[in-house]
Amino acid sequence: MEGARSGPGGGTRPDAREQACSGGSIRSSTPGARHAQIVTGIGFLGGGAILRHGASIRGLTTAASIWATAALGVTVGAGRYVLAVGATVLVLATLVGLRALRNLLRRRGSSREEFSLLVGPGFSTSKLTDLARREQVGLRGLERTQDGNGGRVQVIVKLPPRYDAEQFLEALTGLDGVREVEWES
């Protein structure tokens, strides 16, 4: 009898299971078309993770991780468990290894960092330039937008080798008139 169950999942067609898991939004009958729809959806998620923050671009690693996770999901969905485990190990090793390499390079070389300061009314940018000079930090860009509550100052700096960016963050936070400092490491 069609639809009778002979055990867990028995009698349920694979494409019906996929549609149930996806909310029924994947309606194509060919695996290639279903995968194309997954790629399109994940592309939108990854694109949303990539943000322009001042002069820099953030979120590329997050977007790549979203793509890798989707690919692993498709691999598991196709029943290729050993391949999925191997790819998971490879992705995690790559992410951990590249983070360690980035941290090593940051410690050994100079780095370019961007800070966003929320400032009160009457804040003078000369305080920033004096701080940069005292800390021997190269000031590469300074942009100020003002409103009735003070405004925002975007600062791009080049930190000397072995200079900890968190040290400069604390110095910025200690300036008179600075209400908040944002920095994405």
N, C-alpha and C. Protein backbone atom coordinates (compact mmCIF):
# COMPACT_ATOMS: atom_id res chain seq x y z
N MET A 1 0.85 -1.16 0.00
CA MET A 1 0.00 0.00 0.00
C MET A 1 0.90 1.23 0.00
N GLU A 2 0.61 2.17 -0.90
CA GLU A 2 1.44 3.37 -1.02
C GLU A 2 1.27 4.24 0.21
N GLY A 3 2.37 4.76 0.73
CA GLY A 3 2.34 5.62 1.90
C GLY A 3 2.42 4.85 3.21
N ALA A 4 2.34 3.52 3.15
CA ALA A 4 2.45 2.73 4.38
C ALA A 4 3.88 2.83 4.88
N ARG A 5 4.06 2.82 6.16
CA ARG A 5 5.39 2.98 6.74
C ARG A 5 5.90 1.63 7.20
N SER A 6 7.14 1.36 6.80
CA SER A 6 7.75 0.11 7.22
C SER A 6 8.79 0.36 8.30
N GLY A 7 8.90 1.58 8.78
CA GLY A 7 9.88 1.95 9.79
C GLY A 7 10.07 3.45 9.70
N PRO A 8 11.01 3.97 10.47
CA PRO A 8 11.24 5.41 10.42
C PRO A 8 11.60 5.88 9.01
N GLY A 9 10.80 6.74 8.47
CA GLY A 9 11.06 7.30 7.14
C GLY A 9 10.65 6.39 6.02
N GLY A 10 10.18 5.19 6.33
CA GLY A 10 9.80 4.25 5.28
C GLY A 10 8.61 4.75 4.50
N GLY A 11 8.65 4.62 3.21
CA GLY A 11 7.55 5.03 2.36
C GLY A 11 7.55 6.52 2.05
N THR A 12 8.44 7.27 2.60
CA THR A 12 8.50 8.70 2.33
C THR A 12 9.53 8.94 1.24
N ARG A 13 9.14 9.64 0.20
CA ARG A 13 10.06 9.88 -0.91
C ARG A 13 11.11 10.91 -0.50
N PRO A 14 12.36 10.77 -0.99
CA PRO A 14 13.42 11.71 -0.61
C PRO A 14 13.08 13.16 -0.94
N ASP A 15 12.46 13.41 -2.11
CA ASP A 15 12.15 14.80 -2.44
C ASP A 15 11.06 15.37 -1.53
N ALA A 16 10.17 14.52 -1.02
CA ALA A 16 9.16 14.99 -0.07
C ALA A 16 9.81 15.38 1.25
N ARG A 17 10.83 14.59 1.67
CA ARG A 17 11.56 14.94 2.90
C ARG A 17 12.27 16.27 2.73
N GLU A 18 12.92 16.47 1.57
CA GLU A 18 13.62 17.73 1.33
C GLU A 18 12.66 18.89 1.35
N GLN A 19 11.50 18.73 0.72
CA GLN A 19 10.53 19.82 0.69
C GLN A 19 10.01 20.11 2.08
N ALA A 20 9.80 19.10 2.88
CA ALA A 20 9.33 19.31 4.24
C ALA A 20 10.35 20.08 5.06
N CYS A 21 11.63 19.72 4.89
CA CYS A 21 12.70 20.40 5.63
C CYS A 21 12.90 21.83 5.16
N SER A 22 12.64 22.08 3.90
CA SER A 22 12.86 23.42 3.36
C SER A 22 11.61 24.27 3.40
N GLY A 23 10.57 23.78 4.00
CA GLY A 23 9.33 24.53 4.06
C GLY A 23 8.55 24.43 2.77
N GLY A 24 8.91 23.50 1.92
CA GLY A 24 8.18 23.30 0.67
C GLY A 24 8.55 24.29 -0.41
N SER A 25 9.60 25.06 -0.21
CA SER A 25 9.93 26.10 -1.19
C SER A 25 10.75 25.57 -2.36
N ILE A 26 11.34 24.40 -2.24
CA ILE A 26 12.13 23.83 -3.33
C ILE A 26 11.24 22.85 -4.07
N ARG A 27 10.76 23.24 -5.25
CA ARG A 27 9.75 22.45 -5.95
C ARG A 27 10.27 21.74 -7.19
N SER A 28 11.52 21.93 -7.53
CA SER A 28 12.06 21.32 -8.73
C SER A 28 12.27 19.83 -8.53
N SER A 29 12.21 19.09 -9.62
CA SER A 29 12.36 17.64 -9.49
C SER A 29 13.79 17.17 -9.74
N THR A 30 14.67 18.04 -10.22
CA THR A 30 16.05 17.63 -10.48
C THR A 30 16.97 18.14 -9.38
N PRO A 31 17.93 17.32 -8.97
CA PRO A 31 18.86 17.75 -7.91
C PRO A 31 19.63 19.01 -8.29
N GLY A 32 20.03 19.14 -9.56
CA GLY A 32 20.78 20.33 -9.97
C GLY A 32 19.97 21.61 -9.81
N ALA A 33 18.69 21.55 -10.13
CA ALA A 33 17.83 22.73 -9.97
C ALA A 33 17.61 23.05 -8.50
N ARG A 34 17.48 22.01 -7.67
CA ARG A 34 17.32 22.25 -6.23
C ARG A 34 18.59 22.89 -5.66
N HIS A 35 19.74 22.40 -6.08
CA HIS A 35 21.00 22.96 -5.60
C HIS A 35 21.16 24.41 -6.07
N ALA A 36 20.72 24.70 -7.28
CA ALA A 36 20.79 26.08 -7.78
C ALA A 36 19.93 27.01 -6.93
N GLN A 37 18.78 26.54 -6.49
CA GLN A 37 17.92 27.36 -5.63
C GLN A 37 18.58 27.58 -4.27
N ILE A 38 19.25 26.56 -3.76
CA ILE A 38 19.97 26.71 -2.48
C ILE A 38 21.09 27.73 -2.64
N VAL A 39 21.84 27.64 -3.74
CA VAL A 39 22.94 28.57 -4.00
C VAL A 39 22.42 30.00 -4.07
N THR A 40 21.29 30.20 -4.72
CA THR A 40 20.71 31.54 -4.83
C THR A 40 20.35 32.08 -3.45
N GLY A 41 19.68 31.28 -2.65
CA GLY A 41 19.30 31.72 -1.31
C GLY A 41 20.48 32.02 -0.43
N ILE A 42 21.48 31.16 -0.47
CA ILE A 42 22.68 31.37 0.35
C ILE A 42 23.45 32.59 -0.15
N GLY A 43 23.40 32.86 -1.45
CA GLY A 43 24.05 34.05 -2.00
C GLY A 43 23.50 35.33 -1.37
N PHE A 44 22.19 35.36 -1.17
CA PHE A 44 21.58 36.53 -0.53
C PHE A 44 22.02 36.65 0.92
N LEU A 45 22.09 35.53 1.64
CA LEU A 45 22.55 35.57 3.03
C LEU A 45 24.00 36.03 3.11
N GLY A 46 24.85 35.46 2.27
CA GLY A 46 26.27 35.85 2.26
C GLY A 46 26.45 37.30 1.88
N GLY A 47 25.68 37.75 0.89
CA GLY A 47 25.76 39.16 0.48
C GLY A 47 25.36 40.10 1.61
N GLY A 48 24.39 39.67 2.42
CA GLY A 48 23.97 40.50 3.55
C GLY A 48 25.00 40.56 4.65
N ALA A 49 25.89 39.58 4.71
CA ALA A 49 26.92 39.56 5.75
C ALA A 49 28.09 40.47 5.40
N ILE A 50 28.24 40.81 4.12
CA ILE A 50 29.36 41.65 3.69
C ILE A 50 28.93 43.11 3.80
N LEU A 51 29.67 43.87 4.59
CA LEU A 51 29.32 45.26 4.83
C LEU A 51 30.51 46.16 4.56
N ARG A 52 30.22 47.32 4.01
CA ARG A 52 31.25 48.35 3.88
C ARG A 52 31.19 49.17 5.15
N HIS A 53 32.30 49.24 5.85
CA HIS A 53 32.38 49.98 7.10
C HIS A 53 33.45 51.05 6.93
N GLY A 54 33.04 52.25 6.55
CA GLY A 54 34.01 53.30 6.27
C GLY A 54 34.81 52.94 5.04
N ALA A 55 36.12 52.92 5.18
CA ALA A 55 36.99 52.62 4.05
C ALA A 55 37.31 51.13 3.95
N SER A 56 36.78 50.32 4.84
CA SER A 56 37.10 48.90 4.81
C SER A 56 35.84 48.06 4.57
N ILE A 57 36.08 46.82 4.22
CA ILE A 57 34.98 45.88 3.97
C ILE A 57 35.07 44.79 5.02
N ARG A 58 33.96 44.50 5.67
CA ARG A 58 33.91 43.52 6.75
C ARG A 58 32.93 42.41 6.38
N GLY A 59 33.13 41.25 6.95
CA GLY A 59 32.17 40.17 6.80
C GLY A 59 32.48 39.16 5.72
N LEU A 60 33.63 39.26 5.07
CA LEU A 60 33.96 38.31 4.00
C LEU A 60 34.13 36.89 4.55
N THR A 61 34.77 36.77 5.71
CA THR A 61 34.95 35.45 6.30
C THR A 61 33.60 34.87 6.72
N THR A 62 32.73 35.71 7.26
CA THR A 62 31.40 35.26 7.63
C THR A 62 30.63 34.78 6.41
N ALA A 63 30.70 35.53 5.32
CA ALA A 63 30.00 35.13 4.10
C ALA A 63 30.55 33.81 3.56
N ALA A 64 31.87 33.65 3.58
CA ALA A 64 32.46 32.40 3.11
C ALA A 64 32.07 31.23 4.02
N SER A 65 31.96 31.50 5.32
CA SER A 65 31.54 30.45 6.25
C SER A 65 30.09 30.04 6.00
N ILE A 66 29.24 30.99 5.67
CA ILE A 66 27.84 30.69 5.34
C ILE A 66 27.79 29.79 4.10
N TRP A 67 28.58 30.14 3.08
CA TRP A 67 28.63 29.30 1.87
C TRP A 67 29.12 27.90 2.19
N ALA A 68 30.17 27.81 2.99
CA ALA A 68 30.73 26.50 3.35
C ALA A 68 29.71 25.67 4.12
N THR A 69 28.99 26.30 5.03
CA THR A 69 27.97 25.60 5.80
C THR A 69 26.86 25.09 4.89
N ALA A 70 26.45 25.90 3.93
CA ALA A 70 25.42 25.46 2.99
C ALA A 70 25.90 24.28 2.15
N ALA A 71 27.16 24.35 1.71
CA ALA A 71 27.71 23.25 0.92
C ALA A 71 27.77 21.98 1.75
N LEU A 72 28.13 22.11 3.02
CA LEU A 72 28.15 20.94 3.90
C LEU A 72 26.74 20.38 4.09
N GLY A 73 25.76 21.25 4.21
CA GLY A 73 24.37 20.80 4.33
C GLY A 73 23.89 20.04 3.11
N VAL A 74 24.25 20.54 1.93
CA VAL A 74 23.89 19.84 0.69
C VAL A 74 24.59 18.49 0.63
N THR A 75 25.85 18.45 1.06
CA THR A 75 26.60 17.20 1.05
C THR A 75 25.96 16.17 1.99
N VAL A 76 25.59 16.61 3.18
CA VAL A 76 24.91 15.70 4.11
C VAL A 76 23.56 15.28 3.53
N GLY A 77 22.83 16.23 2.94
CA GLY A 77 21.53 15.91 2.33
C GLY A 77 21.65 14.90 1.21
N ALA A 78 22.79 14.88 0.55
CA ALA A 78 23.01 13.92 -0.53
C ALA A 78 23.50 12.56 0.01
N GLY A 79 23.66 12.48 1.33
CA GLY A 79 24.07 11.22 1.92
C GLY A 79 25.57 10.96 1.89
N ARG A 80 26.37 11.97 1.61
CA ARG A 80 27.83 11.82 1.53
C ARG A 80 28.45 12.23 2.87
N TYR A 81 28.22 11.43 3.90
CA TYR A 81 28.60 11.77 5.26
C TYR A 81 30.11 11.86 5.47
N VAL A 82 30.85 10.93 4.91
CA VAL A 82 32.31 10.93 5.08
C VAL A 82 32.90 12.18 4.43
N LEU A 83 32.41 12.51 3.25
CA LEU A 83 32.87 13.73 2.57
C LEU A 83 32.53 14.97 3.40
N ALA A 84 31.34 15.00 3.99
CA ALA A 84 30.92 16.14 4.81
C ALA A 84 31.80 16.29 6.04
N VAL A 85 32.14 15.18 6.69
CA VAL A 85 33.01 15.24 7.87
C VAL A 85 34.40 15.74 7.47
N GLY A 86 34.93 15.21 6.38
CA GLY A 86 36.25 15.66 5.91
C GLY A 86 36.24 17.14 5.55
N ALA A 87 35.20 17.58 4.87
CA ALA A 87 35.11 19.00 4.49
C ALA A 87 34.94 19.88 5.72
N THR A 88 34.20 19.40 6.71
CA THR A 88 34.04 20.17 7.95
C THR A 88 35.39 20.37 8.63
N VAL A 89 36.17 19.31 8.72
CA VAL A 89 37.50 19.41 9.32
C VAL A 89 38.36 20.39 8.53
N LEU A 90 38.30 20.31 7.21
CA LEU A 90 39.08 21.22 6.36
C LEU A 90 38.66 22.68 6.57
N VAL A 91 37.36 22.95 6.61
CA VAL A 91 36.87 24.31 6.80
C VAL A 91 37.31 24.85 8.17
N LEU A 92 37.13 24.05 9.22
CA LEU A 92 37.51 24.50 10.56
C LEU A 92 39.01 24.72 10.66
N ALA A 93 39.81 23.83 10.09
CA ALA A 93 41.27 24.00 10.11
C ALA A 93 41.68 25.26 9.37
N THR A 94 41.02 25.53 8.25
CA THR A 94 41.32 26.75 7.49
C THR A 94 40.98 28.00 8.29
N LEU A 95 39.80 28.03 8.90
CA LEU A 95 39.40 29.20 9.68
C LEU A 95 40.32 29.44 10.87
N VAL A 96 40.64 28.38 11.60
CA VAL A 96 41.52 28.52 12.77
C VAL A 96 42.93 28.89 12.33
N GLY A 97 43.42 28.23 11.29
CA GLY A 97 44.77 28.51 10.80
C GLY A 97 44.93 29.93 10.27
N LEU A 98 43.95 30.39 9.51
CA LEU A 98 44.03 31.75 8.98
C LEU A 98 43.91 32.80 10.08
N ARG A 99 43.11 32.53 11.11
CA ARG A 99 43.02 33.47 12.23
C ARG A 99 44.36 33.56 12.95
N ALA A 100 45.01 32.42 13.16
CA ALA A 100 46.31 32.43 13.82
C ALA A 100 47.34 33.19 12.99
N LEU A 101 47.31 32.97 11.67
CA LEU A 101 48.23 33.69 10.78
C LEU A 101 47.97 35.19 10.82
N ARG A 102 46.68 35.58 10.78
CA ARG A 102 46.33 37.01 10.85
C ARG A 102 46.85 37.62 12.15
N ASN A 103 46.65 36.93 13.26
CA ASN A 103 47.10 37.46 14.55
C ASN A 103 48.62 37.59 14.60
N LEU A 104 49.33 36.62 14.01
CA LEU A 104 50.79 36.67 13.96
C LEU A 104 51.26 37.86 13.13
N LEU A 105 50.64 38.05 11.98
CA LEU A 105 51.02 39.18 11.12
C LEU A 105 50.71 40.52 11.78
N ARG A 106 49.61 40.58 12.50
CA ARG A 106 49.27 41.83 13.19
C ARG A 106 50.28 42.16 14.28
N ARG A 107 50.77 41.13 14.97
CA ARG A 107 51.75 41.38 16.03
C ARG A 107 53.09 41.83 15.46
N ARG A 108 53.47 41.29 14.32
CA ARG A 108 54.80 41.57 13.76
C ARG A 108 54.84 42.82 12.90
N GLY A 109 53.77 43.18 12.29
CA GLY A 109 53.79 44.31 11.37
C GLY A 109 52.86 45.41 11.81
N SER A 110 52.95 46.53 11.09
CA SER A 110 52.04 47.62 11.38
C SER A 110 50.67 47.26 10.82
N SER A 111 49.65 47.82 11.43
CA SER A 111 48.30 47.51 10.97
C SER A 111 47.51 48.79 10.76
N ARG A 112 46.55 48.69 9.88
CA ARG A 112 45.65 49.81 9.59
C ARG A 112 44.33 49.50 10.28
N GLU A 113 43.88 50.39 11.11
CA GLU A 113 42.65 50.18 11.87
C GLU A 113 41.72 51.37 11.70
N GLU A 114 40.44 51.09 11.85
CA GLU A 114 39.43 52.14 11.74
C GLU A 114 38.60 52.16 13.01
N PHE A 115 38.44 53.34 13.56
CA PHE A 115 37.66 53.54 14.77
C PHE A 115 36.56 54.55 14.48
N SER A 116 35.42 54.36 15.12
CA SER A 116 34.31 55.28 14.99
C SER A 116 33.98 55.80 16.38
N LEU A 117 34.05 57.12 16.56
CA LEU A 117 33.85 57.73 17.86
C LEU A 117 32.52 58.48 17.88
N LEU A 118 31.72 58.26 18.89
CA LEU A 118 30.52 59.03 19.14
C LEU A 118 30.94 60.11 20.12
N VAL A 119 30.85 61.38 19.70
CA VAL A 119 31.39 62.47 20.51
C VAL A 119 30.29 63.44 20.92
N GLY A 120 30.56 64.15 21.99
CA GLY A 120 29.63 65.15 22.49
C GLY A 120 29.85 66.49 21.80
N PRO A 121 28.93 67.44 22.06
CA PRO A 121 29.09 68.78 21.47
C PRO A 121 30.38 69.43 21.97
N GLY A 122 31.02 70.16 21.09
CA GLY A 122 32.24 70.86 21.46
C GLY A 122 33.50 70.02 21.43
N PHE A 123 33.41 68.76 20.99
CA PHE A 123 34.61 67.91 20.92
C PHE A 123 35.56 68.46 19.87
N SER A 124 36.81 68.58 20.23
CA SER A 124 37.83 69.10 19.31
C SER A 124 38.67 67.95 18.76
N THR A 125 38.80 67.91 17.43
CA THR A 125 39.60 66.85 16.81
C THR A 125 41.09 67.03 17.09
N SER A 126 41.47 68.19 17.60
CA SER A 126 42.89 68.38 17.96
C SER A 126 43.28 67.43 19.09
N LYS A 127 42.30 67.03 19.93
CA LYS A 127 42.58 66.05 20.97
C LYS A 127 43.00 64.71 20.35
N LEU A 128 42.37 64.38 19.23
CA LEU A 128 42.70 63.15 18.52
C LEU A 128 44.10 63.21 17.92
N THR A 129 44.40 64.31 17.26
CA THR A 129 45.71 64.43 16.62
C THR A 129 46.82 64.45 17.67
N ASP A 130 46.57 65.10 18.82
CA ASP A 130 47.57 65.10 19.90
C ASP A 130 47.79 63.69 20.43
N LEU A 131 46.69 62.94 20.61
CA LEU A 131 46.80 61.56 21.09
C LEU A 131 47.59 60.70 20.11
N ALA A 132 47.30 60.83 18.83
CA ALA A 132 48.01 60.05 17.81
C ALA A 132 49.50 60.37 17.84
N ARG A 133 49.82 61.63 17.99
CA ARG A 133 51.23 62.04 18.04
C ARG A 133 51.92 61.44 19.27
N ARG A 134 51.25 61.53 20.44
CA ARG A 134 51.82 60.99 21.68
C ARG A 134 52.05 59.48 21.60
N GLU A 135 51.11 58.77 20.98
CA GLU A 135 51.18 57.31 20.89
C GLU A 135 52.00 56.84 19.69
N GLN A 136 52.52 57.77 18.90
CA GLN A 136 53.28 57.49 17.67
C GLN A 136 52.47 56.63 16.70
N VAL A 137 51.20 56.99 16.55
CA VAL A 137 50.26 56.33 15.65
C VAL A 137 50.05 57.24 14.46
N GLY A 138 50.16 56.67 13.26
CA GLY A 138 49.98 57.47 12.05
C GLY A 138 48.51 57.70 11.76
N LEU A 139 48.12 58.96 11.64
CA LEU A 139 46.74 59.32 11.33
C LEU A 139 46.58 59.34 9.81
N ARG A 140 45.76 58.46 9.27
CA ARG A 140 45.59 58.31 7.82
C ARG A 140 44.29 58.91 7.30
N GLY A 141 43.33 59.10 8.17
CA GLY A 141 42.06 59.67 7.75
C GLY A 141 41.24 60.12 8.94
N LEU A 142 40.52 61.22 8.75
CA LEU A 142 39.69 61.77 9.81
C LEU A 142 38.48 62.42 9.16
N GLU A 143 37.31 61.94 9.51
CA GLU A 143 36.09 62.48 8.94
C GLU A 143 35.09 62.71 10.06
N ARG A 144 34.51 63.91 10.08
CA ARG A 144 33.59 64.24 11.17
C ARG A 144 32.22 64.61 10.61
N THR A 145 31.19 64.06 11.22
CA THR A 145 29.81 64.46 10.92
C THR A 145 29.22 64.98 12.22
N GLN A 146 28.55 66.12 12.15
CA GLN A 146 28.01 66.75 13.36
C GLN A 146 26.49 66.78 13.32
N ASP A 147 25.94 66.71 14.52
CA ASP A 147 24.50 66.90 14.70
C ASP A 147 24.31 67.66 16.01
N GLY A 148 23.10 67.82 16.44
CA GLY A 148 22.81 68.58 17.65
C GLY A 148 23.37 67.98 18.92
N ASN A 149 23.62 66.68 18.91
CA ASN A 149 24.15 65.99 20.09
C ASN A 149 25.65 65.81 20.07
N GLY A 150 26.32 66.35 19.11
CA GLY A 150 27.76 66.21 18.99
C GLY A 150 28.14 65.66 17.63
N GLY A 151 27.99 64.35 17.46
CA GLY A 151 28.26 63.76 16.15
C GLY A 151 29.13 62.53 16.24
N ARG A 152 29.72 62.22 15.09
CA ARG A 152 30.53 61.02 14.95
C ARG A 152 31.83 61.40 14.24
N VAL A 153 32.92 60.77 14.67
CA VAL A 153 34.23 60.98 14.04
C VAL A 153 34.76 59.62 13.61
N GLN A 154 35.04 59.48 12.31
CA GLN A 154 35.66 58.27 11.77
C GLN A 154 37.17 58.52 11.71
N VAL A 155 37.94 57.62 12.28
CA VAL A 155 39.39 57.78 12.33
C VAL A 155 40.04 56.55 11.73
N ILE A 156 40.95 56.75 10.78
CA ILE A 156 41.73 55.66 10.21
C ILE A 156 43.18 55.89 10.62
N VAL A 157 43.77 54.88 11.26
CA VAL A 157 45.13 55.03 11.76
C VAL A 157 46.01 53.87 11.28
N LYS A 158 47.30 54.13 11.26
CA LYS A 158 48.29 53.08 11.00
C LYS A 158 49.07 52.90 12.29
N LEU A 159 48.90 51.72 12.88
CA LEU A 159 49.56 51.44 14.15
C LEU A 159 50.97 50.92 13.91
N PRO A 160 51.91 51.32 14.75
CA PRO A 160 53.29 50.82 14.58
C PRO A 160 53.38 49.33 14.88
N PRO A 161 54.46 48.68 14.42
CA PRO A 161 54.64 47.25 14.70
C PRO A 161 54.58 46.96 16.20
N ARG A 162 53.94 45.85 16.53
CA ARG A 162 53.79 45.36 17.91
C ARG A 162 52.98 46.29 18.81
N TYR A 163 52.28 47.24 18.22
CA TYR A 163 51.41 48.12 19.00
C TYR A 163 50.04 47.46 19.08
N ASP A 164 49.51 47.32 20.27
CA ASP A 164 48.23 46.67 20.48
C ASP A 164 47.10 47.66 20.19
N ALA A 165 46.23 47.31 19.27
CA ALA A 165 45.12 48.19 18.89
C ALA A 165 44.21 48.47 20.07
N GLU A 166 44.08 47.52 20.99
CA GLU A 166 43.23 47.73 22.16
C GLU A 166 43.79 48.83 23.07
N GLN A 167 45.10 49.02 23.04
CA GLN A 167 45.72 50.10 23.80
C GLN A 167 45.26 51.45 23.25
N PHE A 168 45.22 51.58 21.92
CA PHE A 168 44.76 52.83 21.32
C PHE A 168 43.26 53.01 21.56
N LEU A 169 42.51 51.91 21.53
CA LEU A 169 41.07 51.95 21.81
C LEU A 169 40.82 52.52 23.21
N GLU A 170 41.57 52.05 24.20
CA GLU A 170 41.42 52.56 25.56
C GLU A 170 41.80 54.03 25.65
N ALA A 171 42.84 54.43 24.93
CA ALA A 171 43.25 55.84 24.93
C ALA A 171 42.16 56.71 24.31
N LEU A 172 41.54 56.23 23.24
CA LEU A 172 40.45 56.99 22.61
C LEU A 172 39.26 57.12 23.56
N THR A 173 38.94 56.05 24.26
CA THR A 173 37.82 56.04 25.19
C THR A 173 38.05 57.03 26.33
N GLY A 174 39.30 57.25 26.69
CA GLY A 174 39.63 58.16 27.78
C GLY A 174 39.64 59.63 27.41
N LEU A 175 39.50 59.96 26.14
CA LEU A 175 39.50 61.37 25.73
C LEU A 175 38.23 62.07 26.22
N ASP A 176 38.39 63.33 26.68
CA ASP A 176 37.23 64.12 27.10
C ASP A 176 36.33 64.38 25.90
N GLY A 177 35.05 64.15 26.09
CA GLY A 177 34.08 64.39 25.02
C GLY A 177 33.73 63.17 24.20
N VAL A 178 34.47 62.07 24.40
CA VAL A 178 34.18 60.84 23.67
C VAL A 178 33.20 60.01 24.50
N ARG A 179 32.02 59.74 23.91
CA ARG A 179 30.99 58.98 24.62
C ARG A 179 31.07 57.48 24.35
N GLU A 180 31.52 57.14 23.15
CA GLU A 180 31.56 55.73 22.78
C GLU A 180 32.57 55.56 21.64
N VAL A 181 33.27 54.41 21.63
CA VAL A 181 34.21 54.10 20.55
C VAL A 181 33.87 52.72 20.00
N GLU A 182 33.75 52.63 18.67
CA GLU A 182 33.50 51.36 18.02
C GLU A 182 34.74 50.96 17.23
N TRP A 183 35.10 49.69 17.35
CA TRP A 183 36.24 49.16 16.59
C TRP A 183 35.95 47.71 16.32
N GLU A 184 36.07 47.31 15.08
CA GLU A 184 35.86 45.91 14.73
C GLU A 184 37.20 45.30 14.42
N SER A 185 37.59 44.33 15.25
CA SER A 185 38.90 43.70 15.05
C SER A 185 38.84 42.66 13.97
